[in-house]
C-alpha cells in the first residue's frame, strides 16, 4: 500500500467532495501531510482514521467549531461525550419516527375506510381524545380565537394529526335536527399533550358508524346519511345512547370550479335494546 494520496484520491476513497477536503485544509481542521514538487497536496495513510472520524462526526451532526475543539485533546473523553449526545438525539428521532409511522398508518386507515361511501356497521371504536368547545346558543360558527387558544396550548404534532369534528345531541338526532350542532373541536385516537382544560377522554365503546362522501355541504345529502344510519341502528337491534360525532376526515377539490368533496365519518353511540 502506498504512503501518500492526492486530494482527488482521498475524495474517492472516503466519498467526500474535493471542495470539502480543501475547506477542511483552509480552516486547518485537517491539512494534507505534504506538498509535492508538482504542486499537488498529499495526504498520508496515517491520516485516514482522522479523516474517517471527521466525516462520521460531521454526518452525525457535530459542528466544525466543536470538531476543532474535541480533536485537539489528549484524551478521547470529549469525543465520547459527543457520541453520547448523538446517541440520545438518534433515540429521540427513532421514537419520533415510530410515533409518526403509527399516526400515518391511522390516517391511511381512516381515509381507506371513509372512501367506501355508504358503509354502515356496528363497531367498537377505540378511546377518543377530544378537545372541544360548545357552540354559542343558536350559532354554529367556529370561534377563531378559541381555536387559536387551543392550538397554543396543545402539541403541534397532535393537532396536525387530529381531525376536526362536531357533535349532535341525542334529542336532536331523534327529532332529525341534524344541523343543530352542540360542540366542535379536534379528535384523535392518540393521547393528547395539552394544557387546555377543554380536553376530554371518551372511552372505547360501541358505535354505529357510517361513511359519507358529500360533494358540497348539501343538507339533503347529510340528512340522508343520518336517516339511513338511524334506520340501520334500529334494524340491528340497537338504540341510540348518546351524542353523535361527525368527523371530517378528508377534503378534496372537485372539478375545475374548485368545489370540495367532503369525506366524513359519523359515529353514533349505541346499546342493545
Protein backbone atom coordinates (compact mmCIF):
# COMPACT_ATOMS: atom_id res chain seq x y z
CA UNK A 1 0.00 0.00 0.00
CA UNK A 2 1.40 3.35 -0.99
CA UNK A 3 2.02 6.03 1.64
CA UNK A 4 0.65 9.23 0.08
CA UNK A 5 -2.55 10.08 -1.76
CA UNK A 6 -3.76 13.13 -3.68
CA UNK A 7 -6.83 15.14 -2.70
CA UNK A 8 -8.72 13.53 -5.58
CA UNK A 9 -7.79 10.03 -4.47
CA UNK A 10 -8.81 10.69 -0.87
CA UNK A 11 -12.06 12.18 -2.15
CA UNK A 12 -12.85 8.89 -3.92
CA UNK A 13 -11.70 6.70 -1.04
CA UNK A 14 -13.97 8.43 1.50
CA UNK A 15 -16.79 9.51 -0.82
CA UNK A 16 -16.33 13.15 0.14
CA UNK A 17 -16.01 16.07 -2.25
CA UNK A 18 -12.66 17.66 -3.05
CA UNK A 19 -14.27 21.01 -2.14
CA UNK A 20 -14.96 19.72 1.37
CA UNK A 21 -11.37 18.47 1.80
CA UNK A 22 -9.97 21.81 0.61
CA UNK A 23 -12.28 23.62 3.02
CA UNK A 24 -11.02 21.49 5.91
CA UNK A 25 -7.50 22.39 4.76
CA UNK A 26 -8.26 26.14 4.72
CA UNK A 27 -9.69 26.15 8.25
CA UNK A 28 -6.88 23.85 9.42
CA UNK A 29 -9.22 21.12 10.59
CA UNK A 30 -7.05 18.59 8.78
CA UNK A 31 -4.33 19.57 6.33
CA UNK A 32 -2.62 17.39 3.72
CA UNK A 33 0.60 15.81 5.00
CA UNK A 34 2.84 17.36 2.39
CA UNK A 35 3.05 19.34 -0.82
CA UNK A 36 4.83 17.70 -3.76
CA UNK A 37 7.19 19.30 -6.23
CA UNK A 38 4.39 19.25 -8.79
CA UNK A 39 2.29 21.49 -6.54
CA UNK A 40 -0.11 18.69 -5.57
CA UNK A 41 -1.03 18.22 -1.92
CA UNK A 42 -0.81 14.71 -0.48
CA UNK A 43 -2.44 13.04 2.49
CA UNK A 44 -0.64 10.29 4.36
CA UNK A 45 -2.38 6.99 5.01
CA UNK A 46 -1.60 7.73 8.68
CA UNK A 47 -4.28 10.46 8.45
CA UNK A 48 -7.02 8.16 7.19
CA UNK A 49 -8.50 7.37 10.61
CA UNK A 50 -8.68 11.08 11.44
CA UNK A 51 -10.39 11.81 8.10
CA UNK A 52 -12.84 8.98 8.73
CA UNK A 53 -13.62 10.29 12.24
CA UNK A 54 -14.22 13.81 10.93
CA UNK A 55 -16.54 12.62 8.17
CA UNK A 56 -18.51 10.42 10.58
CA UNK A 57 -18.94 13.13 13.22
CA UNK A 58 -19.98 15.68 10.59
CA UNK A 59 -22.56 13.20 9.28
CA UNK A 60 -23.82 12.72 12.84
CA UNK A 61 -24.24 16.48 13.19
CA UNK A 62 -21.15 17.70 15.03
CA UNK A 63 -20.34 21.31 14.18
CA UNK A 64 -16.99 22.38 12.70
CA UNK A 65 -16.30 24.50 15.78
CA UNK A 66 -16.83 21.55 18.11
CA UNK A 67 -14.71 19.28 15.91
CA UNK A 68 -11.82 21.73 16.10
CA UNK A 69 -12.07 21.53 19.88
CA UNK A 70 -12.61 17.83 20.55
CA UNK A 71 -9.99 16.64 18.06
CA UNK A 72 -7.30 18.64 19.83
CA UNK A 73 -7.46 16.78 23.13
CA UNK A 74 -5.04 14.31 24.70
CA UNK A 75 -7.96 12.17 25.88
CA UNK A 76 -10.93 10.65 23.95
CA UNK A 77 -13.30 11.81 26.69
CA UNK A 78 -14.69 14.75 24.68
CA UNK A 79 -15.42 12.52 21.68
CA UNK A 80 -17.17 10.03 23.95
CA UNK A 81 -19.36 12.83 25.31
CA UNK A 82 -20.17 13.97 21.78
CA UNK A 83 -21.10 10.43 20.72
CA UNK A 84 -23.34 10.06 23.78
CA UNK A 85 -25.06 13.31 22.80
CA UNK A 86 -25.68 11.96 19.29
CA UNK A 87 -26.89 8.62 20.67
CA UNK A 88 -29.57 10.39 22.73
CA UNK A 89 -30.63 12.50 19.75
CA UNK A 90 -30.85 9.44 17.50
CA UNK A 91 -33.01 7.58 20.02
CA UNK A 92 -35.34 10.58 20.22
CA UNK A 93 -35.58 10.72 16.43
CA UNK A 94 -36.33 6.99 16.29
CA UNK A 95 -39.14 7.38 18.82
CA UNK A 96 -40.50 10.35 16.88
CA UNK A 97 -40.42 8.38 13.63
CA UNK A 98 -42.15 5.41 15.27
CA UNK A 99 -44.86 7.76 16.53
CA UNK A 100 -45.11 9.36 13.09
CA UNK A 101 -45.42 5.94 11.44
CA UNK A 102 -48.26 4.97 13.79
CA UNK A 103 -50.14 8.18 13.03
CA UNK A 104 -49.58 7.84 9.28
CA UNK A 105 -50.97 4.30 9.49
CA UNK A 106 -54.02 5.62 11.35
CA UNK A 107 -54.68 8.37 8.81
CA UNK A 108 -54.26 5.84 5.98
CA UNK A 109 -56.81 3.52 7.60
CA UNK A 110 -59.30 6.34 8.20
CA UNK A 111 -59.03 7.53 4.59
CA UNK A 112 -59.33 3.96 3.29
CA UNK A 113 -62.41 3.36 5.44
CA UNK A 114 -64.15 6.60 4.55
CA UNK A 115 -63.53 6.03 0.84
CA UNK A 116 -66.16 3.25 0.99
CA UNK A 117 -69.12 5.58 0.64
CA UNK A 118 -72.30 4.46 2.38
CA UNK A 119 -70.69 1.75 4.53
CA UNK A 120 -72.55 1.26 7.82
CA UNK A 121 -71.52 -1.03 10.69
CA UNK A 122 -71.75 -1.55 14.43
CA UNK A 123 -68.20 -1.33 15.67
CA UNK A 124 -66.30 -0.95 18.93
CA UNK A 125 -64.18 2.15 18.47
CA UNK A 126 -61.01 2.90 20.46
CA UNK A 127 -60.72 5.58 23.09
CA UNK A 128 -61.01 9.08 21.63
CA UNK A 129 -59.01 12.06 22.86
CA UNK A 130 -61.09 15.17 22.28
CA UNK A 131 -60.54 18.90 22.72
CA UNK A 132 -63.87 20.64 22.26
CA UNK A 133 -65.81 23.85 22.79
CA UNK A 134 -69.57 24.27 22.78
CA UNK A 135 -71.12 26.46 20.12
CA UNK A 136 -72.78 29.61 21.33
CA UNK A 137 -76.56 29.30 21.51
CA UNK A 138 -78.25 29.21 18.09
CA UNK A 139 -74.90 29.62 16.32
CA UNK A 140 -72.67 27.05 14.62
CA UNK A 141 -69.80 29.32 13.68
CA UNK A 142 -66.28 28.40 14.72
CA UNK A 143 -64.72 30.81 17.19
CA UNK A 144 -61.32 31.54 15.66
CA UNK A 145 -59.88 32.95 18.88
CA UNK A 146 -60.86 29.78 20.74
CA UNK A 147 -59.19 27.59 18.11
CA UNK A 148 -56.00 29.69 18.31
CA UNK A 149 -56.02 29.37 22.10
CA UNK A 150 -56.40 25.58 21.90
CA UNK A 151 -53.62 25.33 19.31
CA UNK A 152 -51.22 27.28 21.51
CA UNK A 153 -51.90 25.03 24.49
CA UNK A 154 -51.60 21.76 22.57
CA UNK A 155 -48.82 19.74 20.96
CA UNK A 156 -48.35 20.78 17.31
CA UNK A 157 -47.81 17.13 16.40
CA UNK A 158 -51.14 16.08 17.89
CA UNK A 159 -53.04 18.92 16.24
CA UNK A 160 -51.50 18.07 12.87
CA UNK A 161 -52.89 14.51 13.02
CA UNK A 162 -56.21 15.23 14.71
CA UNK A 163 -59.42 15.73 12.72
CA UNK A 164 -61.97 18.49 13.08
CA UNK A 165 -65.29 17.25 14.42
CA UNK A 166 -68.65 18.43 15.68
CA UNK A 167 -71.32 16.78 17.83
CA UNK A 168 -75.11 16.49 17.71
CA UNK A 169 -77.11 15.82 20.87
CA UNK A 170 -79.21 12.67 21.10
CA UNK A 171 -82.53 14.55 21.27
CA UNK A 172 -81.67 16.36 18.05
CA UNK A 173 -80.85 13.04 16.37
CA UNK A 174 -84.21 11.61 17.41
CA UNK A 175 -86.07 14.68 16.08
CA UNK A 176 -83.98 14.89 12.85
CA UNK A 177 -82.34 18.19 13.75
CA UNK A 178 -79.08 17.06 12.16
CA UNK A 179 -77.72 20.58 11.72
CA UNK A 180 -78.07 21.80 15.30
CA UNK A 181 -74.51 21.23 16.46
CA UNK A 182 -73.63 21.18 20.14
CA UNK A 183 -69.81 21.41 20.08
CA UNK A 184 -66.76 21.39 17.84
CA UNK A 185 -63.04 20.78 18.17
CA UNK A 186 -60.31 18.23 17.47
CA UNK A 187 -60.46 14.43 17.78
CA UNK A 188 -57.87 11.66 17.60
CA UNK A 189 -57.30 8.07 18.75
CA UNK A 190 -53.92 9.10 20.18
CA UNK A 191 -53.12 10.60 23.61
CA UNK A 192 -53.06 14.36 23.59
CA UNK A 193 -50.41 16.51 25.24
CA UNK A 194 -52.17 19.74 26.13
CA UNK A 195 -52.53 22.35 28.83
CA UNK A 196 -56.08 23.03 27.68
CA UNK A 197 -58.87 22.48 30.19
CA UNK A 198 -61.11 21.55 27.25
CA UNK A 199 -59.60 18.06 26.92
CA UNK A 200 -61.88 15.08 27.48
CA UNK A 201 -61.34 11.35 27.01
CA UNK A 202 -64.16 9.28 25.54
CA UNK A 203 -63.62 5.66 26.50
CA UNK A 204 -63.80 2.83 23.97
CA UNK A 205 -67.36 1.71 23.26
CA UNK A 206 -69.84 0.55 20.60
CA UNK A 207 -70.87 2.93 17.85
CA UNK A 208 -72.99 2.77 14.75
CA UNK A 209 -70.57 4.04 12.13
CA UNK A 210 -71.22 5.44 8.68
CA UNK A 211 -69.07 6.87 5.91
CA UNK A 212 -70.28 9.88 3.96
CA UNK A 213 -68.99 11.43 0.74
CA UNK A 214 -70.56 14.84 0.19
CA UNK A 215 -69.82 16.86 -2.95
CA UNK A 216 -70.85 20.05 -1.19
CA UNK A 217 -72.47 20.93 2.10
CA UNK A 218 -75.81 19.69 0.87
CA UNK A 219 -78.35 19.45 3.67
CA UNK A 220 -80.37 16.74 1.94
CA UNK A 221 -77.31 14.54 1.37
CA UNK A 222 -76.25 14.73 5.02
CA UNK A 223 -79.83 14.19 6.20
CA UNK A 224 -80.00 11.05 4.09
CA UNK A 225 -76.85 9.63 5.71
CA UNK A 226 -78.21 10.22 9.22
CA UNK A 227 -81.64 8.84 8.32
CA UNK A 228 -80.12 5.67 6.89
CA UNK A 229 -77.80 5.21 9.87
CA UNK A 230 -80.60 5.63 12.42
CA UNK A 231 -82.72 3.14 10.47
CA UNK A 232 -79.74 0.75 10.42
CA UNK A 233 -79.36 1.06 14.21
CA UNK A 234 -82.98 0.03 14.71
CA UNK A 235 -82.73 -2.85 12.24
CA UNK A 236 -79.67 -4.23 14.02
CA UNK A 237 -81.47 -4.27 17.38
CA UNK A 238 -79.72 -1.29 18.96
CA UNK A 239 -80.79 2.07 20.30
CA UNK A 240 -79.05 5.46 20.34
CA UNK A 241 -77.12 6.02 23.57
CA UNK A 242 -75.51 9.46 23.36
CA UNK A 243 -74.49 12.32 21.10
CA UNK A 244 -73.23 11.77 17.56
CA UNK A 245 -69.70 12.60 16.46
CA UNK A 246 -69.33 13.96 12.92
CA UNK A 247 -65.67 13.65 11.96
CA UNK A 248 -64.23 15.41 8.92
CA UNK A 249 -61.52 13.02 7.67
CA UNK A 250 -60.58 14.50 4.30
CA UNK A 251 -61.43 17.31 1.86
CA UNK A 252 -60.53 17.18 -1.82
CA UNK A 253 -61.05 19.58 -4.72
CA UNK A 254 -63.70 18.53 -7.22
CA UNK A 255 -63.51 19.71 -10.81
CA UNK A 256 -62.33 22.99 -12.25
CA UNK A 257 -64.71 25.07 -10.17
CA UNK A 258 -62.69 24.14 -7.07
CA UNK A 259 -65.68 22.82 -5.13
CA UNK A 260 -64.89 20.48 -2.28
CA UNK A 261 -65.60 16.80 -1.79
CA UNK A 262 -66.02 16.23 1.94
CA UNK A 263 -65.35 12.79 3.45
CA UNK A 264 -66.95 12.26 6.86
CA UNK A 265 -67.12 9.50 9.43
CA UNK A 266 -70.19 9.58 11.62
CA UNK A 267 -70.24 7.79 14.98
CA UNK A 268 -73.46 7.36 16.97
CA UNK A 269 -73.03 5.58 20.35
CA UNK A 270 -75.40 2.63 20.71
CA UNK A 271 -76.50 -0.07 23.13
CA UNK A 272 -78.54 -3.24 22.77
CA UNK A 273 -82.30 -2.80 23.09
